[in-house]
């Protein structure tokens, strides 16, 4: 599975961005997709996730501002980010995972930089 991200950039506080993650390869076993981020000097953290049933979940810090969605026909995952704050500045990574009872196979995008200026 190969993942290519796009859509990052520089935006002022209060602005919006939409990240995309296009997948190719054998994604038949993928049953969970998500976005993670890593800010300067911080550990990578979960942002949002969606499973094959369409159920979504979000980190508390982004709930109500970010929306995760997917286009199955295009094998593409999205993250709509509204009301951006300077603390949202980070490298954002998409993740496709095949979750199994005994573990998971994880695939990561290359990361895209999001910078929010105050």
Protein backbone atom coordinates (compact mmCIF):
# COMPACT_ATOMS: atom_id res chain seq x y z
CA UNK A 1 0.00 0.00 0.00
CA UNK A 2 1.38 3.38 -0.99
CA UNK A 3 0.00 6.62 0.41
CA UNK A 4 0.58 10.07 -1.05
CA UNK A 5 -0.53 13.11 0.90
CA UNK A 6 -1.26 16.61 -0.32
CA UNK A 7 -2.95 19.80 0.78
CA UNK A 8 -0.72 21.14 3.52
CA UNK A 9 0.49 24.69 3.63
CA UNK A 10 0.57 27.97 5.50
CA UNK A 11 -2.68 29.47 6.73
CA UNK A 12 -3.69 32.17 9.19
CA UNK A 13 -5.45 31.33 12.41
CA UNK A 14 -9.14 30.83 11.79
CA UNK A 15 -8.55 29.60 8.27
CA UNK A 16 -9.17 26.22 6.66
CA UNK A 17 -7.24 23.54 4.83
CA UNK A 18 -8.16 20.17 3.37
CA UNK A 19 -5.65 17.36 3.40
CA UNK A 20 -5.86 14.45 0.99
CA UNK A 21 -4.28 11.01 1.13
CA UNK A 22 -4.42 8.95 -2.05
CA UNK A 23 -3.87 5.23 -1.71
CA UNK A 24 -2.67 2.73 -4.27
CA UNK A 25 -1.83 -0.93 -4.15
CA UNK A 26 -3.65 -3.71 -2.41
CA UNK A 27 -5.93 -2.06 0.14
CA UNK A 28 -8.32 -5.00 0.34
CA UNK A 29 -7.39 -5.76 3.94
CA UNK A 30 -7.49 -2.16 5.16
CA UNK A 31 -10.21 -1.67 7.76
CA UNK A 32 -9.19 1.56 9.48
CA UNK A 33 -7.86 4.87 8.22
CA UNK A 34 -6.73 7.86 10.18
CA UNK A 35 -4.77 11.05 10.48
CA UNK A 36 -1.99 11.69 12.96
CA UNK A 37 0.21 14.70 13.55
CA UNK A 38 3.55 15.53 15.08
CA UNK A 39 4.21 19.05 16.26
CA UNK A 40 7.63 20.55 16.92
CA UNK A 41 9.24 18.75 19.85
CA UNK A 42 6.19 16.58 20.38
CA UNK A 43 5.30 12.95 19.93
CA UNK A 44 3.06 11.83 17.10
CA UNK A 45 -0.57 11.96 18.18
CA UNK A 46 -3.89 10.70 16.90
CA UNK A 47 -6.12 13.29 15.23
CA UNK A 48 -9.03 11.47 13.60
CA UNK A 49 -10.03 8.02 12.42
CA UNK A 50 -12.65 6.30 10.29
CA UNK A 51 -13.38 2.62 9.83
CA UNK A 52 -14.85 0.70 6.94
CA UNK A 53 -18.31 1.03 8.48
CA UNK A 54 -17.99 4.80 8.37
CA UNK A 55 -17.72 5.35 12.12
CA UNK A 56 -15.48 8.24 13.01
CA UNK A 57 -13.65 9.38 16.10
CA UNK A 58 -11.63 12.45 16.92
CA UNK A 59 -9.12 13.75 19.39
CA UNK A 60 -10.74 16.12 21.82
CA UNK A 61 -8.56 19.00 20.66
CA UNK A 62 -9.99 18.90 17.12
CA UNK A 63 -13.55 17.71 17.66
CA UNK A 64 -16.01 20.10 16.10
CA UNK A 65 -13.32 21.71 13.92
CA UNK A 66 -11.94 18.82 11.84
CA UNK A 67 -13.85 16.31 9.73
CA UNK A 68 -12.47 13.05 8.40
CA UNK A 69 -14.02 11.49 5.32
CA UNK A 70 -13.18 9.11 2.53
CA UNK A 71 -14.01 8.54 -1.12
CA UNK A 72 -13.97 4.80 -1.70
CA UNK A 73 -14.16 5.16 -5.48
CA UNK A 74 -10.99 7.25 -5.46
CA UNK A 75 -9.25 5.36 -2.63
CA UNK A 76 -8.71 8.72 -1.00
CA UNK A 77 -8.90 9.88 2.59
CA UNK A 78 -9.55 13.49 3.52
CA UNK A 79 -9.21 15.73 6.53
CA UNK A 80 -11.13 18.99 6.43
CA UNK A 81 -9.65 21.37 8.97
CA UNK A 82 -11.58 24.48 9.93
CA UNK A 83 -11.01 27.17 12.55
CA UNK A 84 -7.33 26.36 12.58
CA UNK A 85 -5.24 27.40 15.55
CA UNK A 86 -1.48 27.94 15.88
CA UNK A 87 -1.33 24.83 18.07
CA UNK A 88 -2.52 22.79 15.06
CA UNK A 89 0.87 23.43 13.45
CA UNK A 90 2.43 20.04 12.76
CA UNK A 91 3.38 17.51 10.15
CA UNK A 92 0.24 15.54 9.36
CA UNK A 93 0.43 11.87 8.43
CA UNK A 94 -2.25 9.60 7.05
CA UNK A 95 -2.41 6.02 8.20
CA UNK A 96 -4.08 3.00 6.64
CA UNK A 97 -4.25 -0.05 8.87
CA UNK A 98 -5.32 -3.66 8.62
CA UNK A 99 -6.39 -4.32 12.19
CA UNK A 100 -6.40 -7.94 13.27
CA UNK A 101 -6.89 -9.73 16.56
CA UNK A 102 -3.14 -10.45 16.77
CA UNK A 103 -1.85 -7.08 15.62
CA UNK A 104 -1.97 -4.73 12.71
CA UNK A 105 -0.24 -3.86 9.47
CA UNK A 106 0.25 -0.11 9.26
CA UNK A 107 1.01 2.04 6.27
CA UNK A 108 2.00 5.69 6.49
CA UNK A 109 2.09 8.63 4.16
CA UNK A 110 5.16 10.79 3.83
CA UNK A 111 3.67 13.63 5.85
CA UNK A 112 2.53 17.09 4.89
CA UNK A 113 3.37 20.27 6.77
CA UNK A 114 0.58 22.43 8.14
CA UNK A 115 1.60 25.77 9.59
CA UNK A 116 -0.92 28.06 11.24
CA UNK A 117 0.20 31.62 11.88
CA UNK A 118 -1.27 33.77 14.63
